């Protein structure tokens, strides 16, 4: 009737269902629970003289007896109870079970015959048992036993139970056959749908998950769904079959109650979580609306549409991020109690673990973040500025909370931690470039034998020939030092584009060399070990060597020092 593959599949399903039932806690719970096991779980040992015994009929627990009565131990009492109940059941009559209060406790009787007495000493006080509750449970269980016994002795009932079990087995096998055949159809349909929308997962050109791997995951998903469907059908079949016979009915009832309680708990969990989820969604939507307003406000501040004394365009983005972070954190704190399962021990343990990891590993991050905040709000630099930080010079491409990225003239991207920037001098060539202009300067050392006016003129001429330097304001030269062997001259000119400082400086150096070579002036820093044979000085007729220009006789007279002052200086020498 079935192929070998299908038989193997059915056998695996049946074996898995049997093991699941065998090791189910509810299956184990159907076995009688003795007082010894209960006391062992709480760490107590029963008295060695009196050992509790359990009355079990038709595989159903009736009652547990822990005390002796009229000289009979619990085991002897249970044995006599079984004999008395068996005698009454042999009459094949229906006996109503009732509990009547007596001096010793509660008398359990079948019809007009008393069966046994449940005394207060038989109760488990640690479990919170009461005489009324135990008596009611005993009456209910004994009533079910009597009904099952009468049904079991009915030939029609047994034939009906066997027929229903066979029918359920046939239906179960047919459903398994349909699941087995539908597995391949379901997989082919799922693969067909997946191939239309499936694509390779690439990150930066690297293929992480190809099509075959994704199809393998889909295949495993189909297998899992098939096995889940098979186990569910096996669970239903086993529950139905066990409940057909009185002896196995407790097992079937346990399985059914487990499934019903599971579904009930799941449904109640969903219903209980709905108000909390509504509160979380409400908090989420209110937070989103507030954040949209804040983003629009600070975007306008960043673009210069809104001006505030306490917020600048450079710090608007960082301020917005900090406020958004605080708002989301506050919203998370508000929504946390409403999350489903937030009061569970697992959720609390995970929260503590995450907090511990953050507290241990965030010390360095917090230091960098605080440095970044100080750097941003000090407005020392911003994205697009051309700066020099220590020995690194380049264009700021991003200014973050943790680090700053700089692009050098050599196309190098350098990341500098913000704590390092705070401890280093920062030169910003772009901050004043638009209004006052940034001065580009360089220094040359020339001997005293060259007229300083000529050196000034040569340096200014070199600056005027350099592209990237402004004509106005005009370049100027300063004598920054009169050293022992040479004079230090510094040419200063205004840059047009600060980000081109290094290429412009290189062009200025080249023009200085060309200009000095053109007019025959050596660029040198003389050093000597003794005084030269001839004095190193510039006669007056050579003060205005080309390209220097003589401003006129008036200027000559003003520059010529008085004779008395010259004589005084010579005497001092």
Protein backbone atom coordinates (compact mmCIF):
# COMPACT_ATOMS: atom_id res chain seq x y z
CA UNK A 1 0.00 0.00 0.00
CA UNK A 2 2.86 2.40 0.88
CA UNK A 3 6.34 2.73 -0.61
CA UNK A 4 9.44 1.94 1.41
CA UNK A 5 10.40 5.64 1.68
CA UNK A 6 6.94 6.51 2.95
CA UNK A 7 7.00 3.67 5.47
CA UNK A 8 10.35 4.89 6.78
CA UNK A 9 8.97 8.41 7.02
CA UNK A 10 5.86 7.23 8.88
CA UNK A 11 7.99 5.15 11.21
CA UNK A 12 10.15 8.16 12.07
CA UNK A 13 7.06 10.29 12.70
CA UNK A 14 5.53 7.64 14.96
CA UNK A 15 8.81 7.15 16.84
CA UNK A 16 9.26 10.88 17.35
CA UNK A 17 5.67 11.20 18.57
CA UNK A 18 6.15 8.30 20.97
CA UNK A 19 9.34 9.78 22.41
CA UNK A 20 7.72 13.20 22.72
CA UNK A 21 4.83 11.70 24.67
CA UNK A 22 7.09 9.46 26.72
CA UNK A 23 9.28 12.31 27.93
CA UNK A 24 6.49 14.89 28.18
CA UNK A 25 6.16 16.28 31.69
CA UNK A 26 2.40 16.00 31.36
CA UNK A 27 2.73 12.30 30.52
CA UNK A 28 4.85 11.80 33.58
CA UNK A 29 2.34 13.84 35.56
CA UNK A 30 -0.32 11.22 34.71
CA UNK A 31 1.52 8.66 36.80
CA UNK A 32 0.66 8.54 40.47
CA UNK A 33 2.43 11.07 42.65
CA UNK A 34 3.42 9.76 46.04
CA UNK A 35 4.01 11.67 49.19
CA UNK A 36 7.64 10.49 49.19
CA UNK A 37 8.37 12.20 45.92
CA UNK A 38 6.74 15.43 47.04
CA UNK A 39 8.63 15.45 50.33
CA UNK A 40 11.88 14.52 48.59
CA UNK A 41 11.53 17.54 46.30
CA UNK A 42 11.26 19.89 49.24
CA UNK A 43 14.19 18.28 51.04
CA UNK A 44 12.27 16.34 53.73
CA UNK A 45 12.24 12.61 54.40
CA UNK A 46 9.10 10.79 55.62
CA UNK A 47 8.97 9.01 58.93
CA UNK A 48 10.41 5.53 58.55
CA UNK A 49 7.55 3.90 60.56
CA UNK A 50 4.74 5.18 58.29
CA UNK A 51 5.11 5.16 54.52
CA UNK A 52 2.48 6.80 52.33
CA UNK A 53 0.69 4.77 49.70
CA UNK A 54 -1.47 5.72 46.74
CA UNK A 55 -4.79 4.29 45.63
CA UNK A 56 -4.70 3.84 41.83
CA UNK A 57 -7.57 2.27 39.88
CA UNK A 58 -7.76 2.01 36.11
CA UNK A 59 -4.45 3.91 35.88
CA UNK A 60 -6.06 6.90 37.57
CA UNK A 61 -4.95 8.37 40.88
CA UNK A 62 -7.76 8.32 43.43
CA UNK A 63 -6.17 9.45 46.69
CA UNK A 64 -2.93 9.41 48.72
CA UNK A 65 -2.93 8.01 52.27
CA UNK A 66 -0.21 9.06 54.70
CA UNK A 67 -1.51 8.00 58.14
CA UNK A 68 -2.37 4.76 59.87
CA UNK A 69 -5.94 4.19 60.95
CA UNK A 70 -7.26 1.62 63.43
CA UNK A 71 -3.91 -0.15 63.43
CA UNK A 72 -3.73 -0.44 59.66
CA UNK A 73 -0.81 1.11 57.77
CA UNK A 74 -1.42 3.17 54.59
CA UNK A 75 -0.46 0.16 52.42
CA UNK A 76 -2.93 -2.10 54.22
CA UNK A 77 -5.65 0.52 53.94
CA UNK A 78 -5.06 0.85 50.19
CA UNK A 79 -5.17 -2.93 49.71
CA UNK A 80 -8.52 -3.23 51.49
CA UNK A 81 -9.89 -0.27 49.51
CA UNK A 82 -9.02 -1.98 46.21
CA UNK A 83 -10.78 -5.19 47.32
CA UNK A 84 -13.87 -3.32 48.45
CA UNK A 85 -14.11 -1.29 45.22
CA UNK A 86 -13.56 -4.40 43.10
CA UNK A 87 -16.41 -6.21 44.88
CA UNK A 88 -18.78 -3.34 44.21
CA UNK A 89 -17.71 -3.05 40.56
CA UNK A 90 -18.35 -6.76 40.01
CA UNK A 91 -22.04 -6.19 40.61
CA UNK A 92 -22.12 -4.31 37.30
CA UNK A 93 -24.35 -1.71 38.88
CA UNK A 94 -23.95 2.03 38.77
CA UNK A 95 -22.96 3.35 42.19
CA UNK A 96 -23.12 7.02 43.02
CA UNK A 97 -20.02 8.29 44.80
CA UNK A 98 -20.36 10.79 47.64
CA UNK A 99 -18.35 12.22 50.53
CA UNK A 100 -19.91 12.46 53.98
CA UNK A 101 -18.30 14.16 56.98
CA UNK A 102 -17.62 11.87 59.94
CA UNK A 103 -15.70 12.18 63.19
CA UNK A 104 -12.48 10.80 61.65
CA UNK A 105 -12.66 13.02 58.55
CA UNK A 106 -14.50 12.41 55.25
CA UNK A 107 -16.19 9.08 54.45
CA UNK A 108 -16.11 8.15 50.76
CA UNK A 109 -18.97 5.81 49.86
CA UNK A 110 -20.25 4.09 46.72
CA UNK A 111 -23.99 3.86 46.80
CA UNK A 112 -24.87 2.93 50.37
CA UNK A 113 -21.53 1.27 51.13
CA UNK A 114 -18.66 3.10 52.80
CA UNK A 115 -15.32 2.54 51.10
CA UNK A 116 -12.69 4.46 53.07
CA UNK A 117 -12.10 7.50 55.23
CA UNK A 118 -9.83 10.42 54.42
CA UNK A 119 -8.50 11.79 57.68
CA UNK A 120 -6.77 15.15 58.25
CA UNK A 121 -3.54 13.20 58.82
CA UNK A 122 -3.64 12.06 55.16
CA UNK A 123 -3.44 15.62 53.87
CA UNK A 124 -0.26 17.24 52.60
CA UNK A 125 -0.16 20.45 54.59
CA UNK A 126 2.94 21.70 52.78
CA UNK A 127 1.05 21.58 49.47
CA UNK A 128 -1.89 23.47 51.01
CA UNK A 129 -4.39 20.60 50.74
CA UNK A 130 -7.73 20.84 52.49
CA UNK A 131 -10.09 18.08 53.51
CA UNK A 132 -12.91 19.41 51.33
CA UNK A 133 -10.69 19.83 48.27
CA UNK A 134 -9.12 16.38 48.52
CA UNK A 135 -12.51 14.76 49.11
CA UNK A 136 -14.01 16.45 46.03
CA UNK A 137 -11.08 15.42 43.85
CA UNK A 138 -11.36 11.85 45.16
CA UNK A 139 -15.09 11.69 44.41
CA UNK A 140 -14.57 13.01 40.88
CA UNK A 141 -11.74 10.57 40.10
CA UNK A 142 -13.64 7.60 41.57
CA UNK A 143 -16.76 8.52 39.58
CA UNK A 144 -14.73 8.56 36.34
CA UNK A 145 -13.27 5.17 37.24
CA UNK A 146 -16.72 3.66 37.78
CA UNK A 147 -18.03 5.09 34.51
CA UNK A 148 -14.95 3.86 32.65
CA UNK A 149 -15.26 0.41 34.22
CA UNK A 150 -18.89 0.09 33.19
CA UNK A 151 -18.10 1.25 29.67
CA UNK A 152 -15.14 -1.06 29.37
CA UNK A 153 -17.33 -4.06 30.18
CA UNK A 154 -19.73 -3.02 27.42
CA UNK A 155 -18.91 -4.91 24.23
CA UNK A 156 -20.43 -2.23 22.07
CA UNK A 157 -18.28 0.45 23.64
CA UNK A 158 -15.09 -1.55 23.17
CA UNK A 159 -15.92 -2.31 19.52
CA UNK A 160 -16.71 1.34 18.92
CA UNK A 161 -13.43 2.44 20.57
CA UNK A 162 -11.42 -0.05 18.50
CA UNK A 163 -13.18 1.00 15.31
CA UNK A 164 -12.61 4.70 16.02
CA UNK A 165 -8.96 4.04 16.80
CA UNK A 166 -8.50 2.11 13.54
CA UNK A 167 -10.28 4.84 11.62
CA UNK A 168 -8.15 7.52 13.28
CA UNK A 169 -5.02 5.51 12.43
CA UNK A 170 -6.05 5.24 8.76
CA UNK A 171 -6.79 8.96 8.62
CA UNK A 172 -3.48 9.66 10.33
CA UNK A 173 -1.55 7.61 7.77
CA UNK A 174 -3.43 9.22 4.90
CA UNK A 175 -2.62 12.68 6.24
CA UNK A 176 1.04 11.72 6.62
CA UNK A 177 1.00 10.47 3.04
CA UNK A 178 -0.48 13.79 1.92
CA UNK A 179 2.10 15.71 3.91
CA UNK A 180 4.88 13.62 2.38
CA UNK A 181 3.64 14.19 -1.15
CA UNK A 182 2.81 17.80 -0.49
CA UNK A 183 6.33 18.38 0.86
CA UNK A 184 7.87 18.12 -2.61
CA UNK A 185 5.11 20.18 -4.19
CA UNK A 186 5.41 22.81 -1.48
CA UNK A 187 9.17 22.95 -1.88
CA UNK A 188 8.97 23.28 -5.67
CA UNK A 189 6.41 26.08 -5.36
CA UNK A 190 8.48 27.84 -2.70
CA UNK A 191 11.63 27.51 -4.80
CA UNK A 192 9.83 28.83 -7.89
CA UNK A 193 8.59 31.88 -6.01
CA UNK A 194 11.97 32.41 -4.36
CA UNK A 195 13.92 32.29 -7.62
CA UNK A 196 11.93 35.22 -8.97
CA UNK A 197 12.78 37.52 -6.10
CA UNK A 198 16.02 35.98 -4.88
CA UNK A 199 19.31 37.80 -5.45
CA UNK A 200 22.88 37.53 -4.34
CA UNK A 201 23.80 39.29 -1.12
CA UNK A 202 26.81 41.47 -1.91
CA UNK A 203 28.61 43.92 0.33
CA UNK A 204 31.23 46.10 -1.36
CA UNK A 205 31.44 43.63 -4.24
CA UNK A 206 32.00 40.61 -1.96
CA UNK A 207 29.41 37.87 -2.36
CA UNK A 208 28.35 36.71 1.08
CA UNK A 209 25.32 34.52 0.33
CA UNK A 210 24.80 33.11 -3.14
CA UNK A 211 21.62 31.73 -4.68
CA UNK A 212 22.42 28.10 -3.86
CA UNK A 213 22.86 28.87 -0.16
CA UNK A 214 19.61 30.76 -0.02
CA UNK A 215 17.80 27.89 -1.74
CA UNK A 216 19.37 25.50 0.77
CA UNK A 217 17.92 27.60 3.59
CA UNK A 218 14.51 27.48 1.90
CA UNK A 219 14.81 23.71 1.56
CA UNK A 220 15.59 23.37 5.27
CA UNK A 221 12.64 25.61 6.07
CA UNK A 222 10.34 23.38 4.04
CA UNK A 223 11.69 20.30 5.85
CA UNK A 224 11.12 21.90 9.25
CA UNK A 225 7.56 22.87 8.36
CA UNK A 226 6.87 19.34 7.10
CA UNK A 227 8.19 17.73 10.27
CA UNK A 228 6.22 20.17 12.40
CA UNK A 229 3.02 19.33 10.54
CA UNK A 230 3.71 15.59 10.88
CA UNK A 231 4.39 15.82 14.61
CA UNK A 232 1.28 17.89 15.16
CA UNK A 233 -0.90 15.35 13.35
CA UNK A 234 0.76 12.52 15.31
CA UNK A 235 0.06 14.37 18.55
CA UNK A 236 -3.62 14.73 17.67
CA UNK A 237 -3.90 11.08 16.62
CA UNK A 238 -2.21 9.82 19.78
CA UNK A 239 -4.41 12.00 22.01
CA UNK A 240 -7.56 10.81 20.28
CA UNK A 241 -6.56 7.13 20.39
CA UNK A 242 -5.56 7.15 24.05
CA UNK A 243 -8.82 8.73 25.09
CA UNK A 244 -10.85 5.92 23.50
CA UNK A 245 -9.99 3.38 26.23
CA UNK A 246 -10.58 3.78 29.96
CA UNK A 247 -7.11 2.60 30.99
CA UNK A 248 -5.27 5.03 28.73
CA UNK A 249 -7.76 7.86 29.08
CA UNK A 250 -5.65 9.67 31.76
CA UNK A 251 -2.75 9.86 29.32
CA UNK A 252 -4.98 11.18 26.59
CA UNK A 253 -6.53 13.70 28.95
CA UNK A 254 -3.06 14.89 29.95
CA UNK A 255 -2.03 15.35 26.34
CA UNK A 256 -5.25 17.15 25.48
CA UNK A 257 -5.05 19.38 28.55
CA UNK A 258 -1.45 20.21 27.69
CA UNK A 259 -2.41 21.25 24.16
CA UNK A 260 -5.46 23.18 25.32
CA UNK A 261 -3.55 24.90 28.10
CA UNK A 262 -0.77 25.76 25.68
CA UNK A 263 -3.22 27.30 23.20
CA UNK A 264 -5.06 29.02 26.04
CA UNK A 265 -1.85 30.47 27.46
CA UNK A 266 -0.79 31.60 24.01
CA UNK A 267 -4.14 33.27 23.35
CA UNK A 268 -4.26 34.86 26.79
CA UNK A 269 -0.68 36.05 26.33
CA UNK A 270 -1.66 37.76 23.08
CA UNK A 271 -4.72 39.33 24.67
CA UNK A 272 -2.75 40.48 27.71
CA UNK A 273 -0.02 41.95 25.51
CA UNK A 274 -2.42 44.02 23.38
CA UNK A 275 -2.78 46.97 25.84
CA UNK A 276 0.98 47.08 26.36
CA UNK A 277 1.64 46.98 22.62
CA UNK A 278 -0.86 49.80 22.08
CA UNK A 279 0.97 51.87 24.70
CA UNK A 280 4.33 51.11 23.05
CA UNK A 281 2.99 52.10 19.61
CA UNK A 282 1.54 55.30 21.03
CA UNK A 283 4.86 56.21 22.64
CA UNK A 284 6.63 55.36 19.37
CA UNK A 285 4.37 57.58 17.24
CA UNK A 286 4.56 60.51 19.64
CA UNK A 287 8.35 60.18 19.71
CA UNK A 288 8.50 60.07 15.90
CA UNK A 289 6.40 63.25 15.58
CA UNK A 290 8.57 65.06 18.13
CA UNK A 291 11.78 63.96 16.39
CA UNK A 292 10.49 65.10 12.99
CA UNK A 293 9.81 68.55 14.43
CA UNK A 294 13.28 68.68 16.01
CA UNK A 295 14.95 67.59 12.75
CA UNK A 296 13.10 70.26 10.77
CA UNK A 297 14.03 72.93 13.33
CA UNK A 298 17.74 72.14 13.46
CA UNK A 299 17.92 71.68 9.68
CA UNK A 300 16.66 75.25 9.33
CA UNK A 301 19.27 76.38 11.88
CA UNK A 302 22.02 74.57 9.97
CA UNK A 303 20.96 76.22 6.69
CA UNK A 304 20.88 79.64 8.33
CA UNK A 305 17.10 80.07 8.03
CA UNK A 306 16.74 80.36 11.82
CA UNK A 307 19.22 82.21 14.02
CA UNK A 308 19.52 81.52 17.72
CA UNK A 309 22.12 82.86 20.15
CA UNK A 310 22.79 79.45 21.71
CA UNK A 311 22.90 77.32 18.56
CA UNK A 312 25.35 77.80 15.70
CA UNK A 313 25.22 76.30 12.24
CA UNK A 314 28.38 74.30 12.94
CA UNK A 315 26.90 72.68 16.08
CA UNK A 316 23.28 72.32 14.90
CA UNK A 317 23.72 68.78 13.59
CA UNK A 318 25.47 67.53 16.73
CA UNK A 319 22.92 69.21 18.98
CA UNK A 320 20.12 67.59 16.99
CA UNK A 321 21.68 64.13 17.31
CA UNK A 322 22.18 64.51 21.06
CA UNK A 323 18.60 65.67 21.61
CA UNK A 324 17.23 62.86 19.42
CA UNK A 325 19.30 60.31 21.33
CA UNK A 326 18.03 61.59 24.68
CA UNK A 327 14.42 61.54 23.43
CA UNK A 328 14.72 57.96 22.15
CA UNK A 329 16.34 56.91 25.43
CA UNK A 330 13.53 58.52 27.40
CA UNK A 331 10.93 56.85 25.13
CA UNK A 332 12.60 53.47 25.65
CA UNK A 333 12.46 53.93 29.42
CA UNK A 334 8.76 54.78 29.18
CA UNK A 335 7.96 51.87 26.86
CA UNK A 336 10.03 49.26 28.70
CA UNK A 337 7.38 48.29 31.31
CA UNK A 338 4.79 47.80 28.54
CA UNK A 339 6.90 45.40 26.47
CA UNK A 340 5.62 41.79 26.57
CA UNK A 341 7.83 39.74 28.86
CA UNK A 342 9.64 42.74 30.34
CA UNK A 343 8.93 41.46 33.85
CA UNK A 344 10.37 38.01 33.14
CA UNK A 345 13.65 36.88 34.68
CA UNK A 346 15.20 36.27 31.24
CA UNK A 347 14.42 39.81 30.08
CA UNK A 348 15.81 41.30 33.27
CA UNK A 349 18.93 39.15 33.04
CA UNK A 350 19.53 40.24 29.46
CA UNK A 351 19.12 43.89 30.45
CA UNK A 352 21.64 43.50 33.27
CA UNK A 353 24.08 41.72 30.93
CA UNK A 354 23.84 44.43 28.27
CA UNK A 355 24.28 47.16 30.89
CA UNK A 356 27.33 45.39 32.31
CA UNK A 357 28.93 45.04 28.87
CA UNK A 358 28.32 48.71 28.11
CA UNK A 359 29.72 49.86 31.44
CA UNK A 360 32.87 47.74 31.03
CA UNK A 361 33.63 48.54 27.41
CA UNK A 362 32.47 52.14 27.14
CA UNK A 363 35.10 53.93 29.22
CA UNK A 364 37.31 54.71 26.22
CA UNK A 365 34.30 55.46 24.04
CA UNK A 366 32.91 57.93 26.57
CA UNK A 367 36.29 59.69 26.73
CA UNK A 368 36.42 60.04 22.95
CA UNK A 369 32.77 61.12 22.80
CA UNK A 370 33.28 63.86 25.40
CA UNK A 371 36.36 65.04 23.51
CA UNK A 372 34.33 65.12 20.31
CA UNK A 373 31.55 67.13 21.94
CA UNK A 374 34.06 69.65 23.31
CA UNK A 375 35.75 69.90 19.92
CA UNK A 376 32.47 70.44 18.09
CA UNK A 377 31.10 73.04 20.48
CA UNK A 378 34.41 74.91 20.62
CA UNK A 379 34.00 75.36 16.81
CA UNK A 380 37.73 74.96 16.28
CA UNK A 381 37.11 73.25 12.95
CA UNK A 382 34.32 71.89 10.82
CA UNK A 383 33.88 69.82 7.69
CA UNK A 384 35.37 71.61 4.67
CA UNK A 385 38.03 73.54 6.63
CA UNK A 386 41.66 73.32 5.62
CA UNK A 387 43.61 72.76 8.83
CA UNK A 388 46.91 71.68 10.23
CA UNK A 389 46.85 69.40 13.29
CA UNK A 390 50.34 68.68 14.56
CA UNK A 391 52.25 67.39 11.54
CA UNK A 392 49.11 66.57 9.56
CA UNK A 393 47.73 69.11 7.10
CA UNK A 394 44.69 68.67 4.93
CA UNK A 395 40.99 69.14 4.35
CA UNK A 396 38.51 68.10 7.07
CA UNK A 397 36.05 65.69 5.42
CA UNK A 398 34.12 64.68 8.55
CA UNK A 399 33.98 65.66 12.19
CA UNK A 400 32.41 62.95 14.34
CA UNK A 401 31.84 62.31 18.00
CA UNK A 402 34.73 59.84 18.25
CA UNK A 403 37.21 60.93 15.58
CA UNK A 404 37.99 63.38 12.80
CA UNK A 405 38.90 62.42 9.23
CA UNK A 406 41.33 64.54 7.22
CA UNK A 407 42.17 64.24 3.54
CA UNK A 408 45.75 65.32 2.79
CA UNK A 409 47.13 66.76 -0.42
CA UNK A 410 48.59 63.30 -1.18
CA UNK A 411 45.08 61.77 -1.27
CA UNK A 412 45.55 60.14 2.12
CA UNK A 413 42.65 59.83 4.53
CA UNK A 414 43.87 60.15 8.10
CA UNK A 415 41.67 59.45 11.13
CA UNK A 416 42.62 61.33 14.28
CA UNK A 417 40.99 60.56 17.66
CA UNK A 418 39.31 63.64 19.09
CA UNK A 419 41.19 63.32 22.37
CA UNK A 420 44.45 63.70 20.40
CA UNK A 421 43.14 66.83 18.66
CA UNK A 422 42.26 68.44 21.99
CA UNK A 423 45.86 67.94 23.15
CA UNK A 424 47.34 69.42 19.95
CA UNK A 425 47.48 72.91 18.43
CA UNK A 426 45.03 73.28 15.56
CA UNK A 427 45.71 75.76 12.75
CA UNK A 428 42.59 76.60 10.76
CA UNK A 429 43.45 78.21 7.44
CA UNK A 430 39.85 78.52 6.29
CA UNK A 431 38.17 80.26 9.21
CA UNK A 432 39.31 83.81 8.31
CA UNK A 433 40.02 83.22 4.63
CA UNK A 434 36.75 84.70 3.42
CA UNK A 435 36.94 88.05 5.23
CA UNK A 436 40.51 88.92 6.22
CA UNK A 437 42.37 86.31 4.23
CA UNK A 438 44.97 83.75 5.27
CA UNK A 439 48.62 84.77 4.99
CA UNK A 440 51.06 82.40 3.33
CA UNK A 441 54.60 83.00 4.46
CA UNK A 442 58.07 81.59 4.04
CA UNK A 443 61.54 82.60 5.27
CA UNK A 444 64.87 83.00 3.46
CA UNK A 445 68.25 83.87 4.95
CA UNK A 446 70.54 86.22 3.00
CA UNK A 447 73.97 87.53 3.92
CA UNK A 448 74.56 91.07 5.08
CA UNK A 449 76.41 91.86 1.83
CA UNK A 450 73.11 91.97 -0.11
CA UNK A 451 71.08 95.20 0.23
CA UNK A 452 67.94 94.52 2.22
CA UNK A 453 65.87 96.74 -0.09
CA UNK A 454 66.87 94.57 -3.02
CA UNK A 455 65.91 91.42 -1.10
CA UNK A 456 62.54 92.97 -0.26
CA UNK A 457 61.89 93.83 -3.88
CA UNK A 458 62.94 90.37 -5.08
CA UNK A 459 60.65 88.59 -2.59
CA UNK A 460 57.66 90.81 -3.46
CA UNK A 461 58.31 90.25 -7.18
CA UNK A 462 58.36 86.47 -6.60
CA UNK A 463 55.05 86.69 -4.72
CA UNK A 464 53.46 88.71 -7.51
CA UNK A 465 54.47 86.05 -10.03
CA UNK A 466 52.96 83.20 -7.95
CA UNK A 467 49.45 82.10 -8.98
CA UNK A 468 47.01 81.60 -6.09
CA UNK A 469 48.18 84.70 -4.18
CA UNK A 470 46.07 87.83 -3.99
CA UNK A 471 47.24 91.08 -5.48
CA UNK A 472 45.33 93.01 -2.86
CA UNK A 473 46.16 93.27 -0.07
CA UNK A 474 49.68 93.50 -1.46
CA UNK A 475 52.45 91.16 -0.26
CA UNK A 476 54.89 92.49 2.29
CA UNK A 477 58.29 91.49 3.67
CA UNK A 478 59.47 91.52 7.23
CA UNK A 479 62.98 91.10 8.66
CA UNK A 480 62.25 88.69 11.44
CA UNK A 481 65.80 88.32 12.77
CA UNK A 482 69.30 89.75 12.44
CA UNK A 483 71.39 86.68 13.05
CA UNK A 484 75.14 86.50 13.55
CA UNK A 485 75.90 85.70 9.89
CA UNK A 486 72.75 86.53 7.92
CA UNK A 487 69.43 88.33 7.90
CA UNK A 488 66.14 86.35 8.03
CA UNK A 489 63.57 87.73 5.59
CA UNK A 490 59.92 86.60 5.65
CA UNK A 491 57.67 87.13 2.64
CA UNK A 492 53.93 87.33 3.49
CA UNK A 493 51.16 87.09 0.90
CA UNK A 494 47.41 86.45 1.03
CA UNK A 495 46.04 83.15 -0.20
CA UNK A 496 43.05 82.95 -2.50
CA UNK A 497 42.20 79.31 -1.65
CA UNK A 498 43.44 77.94 1.70
CA UNK A 499 43.08 74.33 0.58
CA UNK A 500 45.81 74.99 -2.03
CA UNK A 501 48.31 76.24 0.52
CA UNK A 502 50.98 73.61 -0.09
CA UNK A 503 50.98 73.82 -3.93
CA UNK A 504 51.01 77.62 -3.70
CA UNK A 505 53.89 77.52 -1.22
CA UNK A 506 55.85 75.25 -3.55
CA UNK A 507 55.23 77.65 -6.47
CA UNK A 508 56.36 80.61 -4.31
CA UNK A 509 59.61 78.83 -3.44
CA UNK A 510 60.27 78.19 -7.12
CA UNK A 511 59.60 81.81 -8.06
CA UNK A 512 61.90 83.05 -5.28
CA UNK A 513 64.74 80.98 -6.70
CA UNK A 514 64.04 82.13 -10.25
CA UNK A 515 63.80 85.79 -9.24
CA UNK A 516 67.04 85.77 -7.24
CA UNK A 517 68.84 83.93 -10.03
CA UNK A 518 67.48 86.39 -12.59
CA UNK A 519 69.03 89.36 -10.75
CA UNK A 520 72.19 87.53 -9.75
CA UNK A 521 71.61 87.48 -6.01
CA UNK A 522 72.80 84.45 -4.11
CA UNK A 523 70.44 82.75 -1.65
CA UNK A 524 72.87 81.69 1.02
CA UNK A 525 73.42 81.77 4.72
CA UNK A 526 77.13 82.49 5.17
CA UNK A 527 79.10 80.96 8.04
CA UNK A 528 82.79 81.58 8.81
CA UNK A 529 85.29 80.79 11.49
CA UNK A 530 87.09 84.19 11.53
CA UNK A 531 86.47 87.74 10.35
CA UNK A 532 86.83 88.19 6.58
CA UNK A 533 89.67 90.26 5.14
CA UNK A 534 87.31 92.96 3.84
CA UNK A 535 84.36 94.37 5.79
CA UNK A 536 80.98 92.88 4.87
CA UNK A 537 78.80 95.90 4.34
CA UNK A 538 76.80 97.55 1.54
CA UNK A 539 77.95 100.95 0.27
CA UNK A 540 75.32 103.60 -0.17
CA UNK A 541 75.47 103.60 -3.96
CA UNK A 542 74.34 99.97 -3.95
CA UNK A 543 71.42 100.37 -1.61
CA UNK A 544 68.89 100.35 -4.46
CA UNK A 545 70.16 97.52 -6.63
CA UNK A 546 67.54 96.28 -9.10
CA UNK A 547 64.75 95.58 -8.75
CA UNK A 548 64.72 97.95 -5.74
CA UNK A 549 63.61 101.52 -6.58
CA UNK A 550 65.05 104.75 -5.15
CA UNK A 551 62.14 106.71 -3.60
CA UNK A 552 63.94 110.07 -4.18
CA UNK A 553 66.33 112.55 -2.51
CA UNK A 554 63.93 113.22 0.34
CA UNK A 555 63.84 109.63 1.21
CA UNK A 556 67.62 109.42 0.97
CA UNK A 557 68.06 112.27 3.41
CA UNK A 558 65.58 110.77 5.81
CA UNK A 559 67.31 107.43 5.69
CA UNK A 560 70.80 108.89 6.18
CA UNK A 561 71.61 108.91 9.91
CA UNK A 562 73.03 112.07 11.55
CA UNK A 563 76.82 112.37 11.66
CA UNK A 564 76.90 112.63 15.42
CA UNK A 565 74.94 109.45 15.73
CA UNK A 566 77.33 107.68 13.33
CA UNK A 567 80.35 108.86 15.34
CA UNK A 568 78.75 107.70 18.57
CA UNK A 569 78.05 104.29 17.09
CA UNK A 570 81.62 103.98 15.81
CA UNK A 571 82.97 104.88 19.23
CA UNK A 572 80.77 102.25 20.83
CA UNK A 573 82.11 99.70 18.42
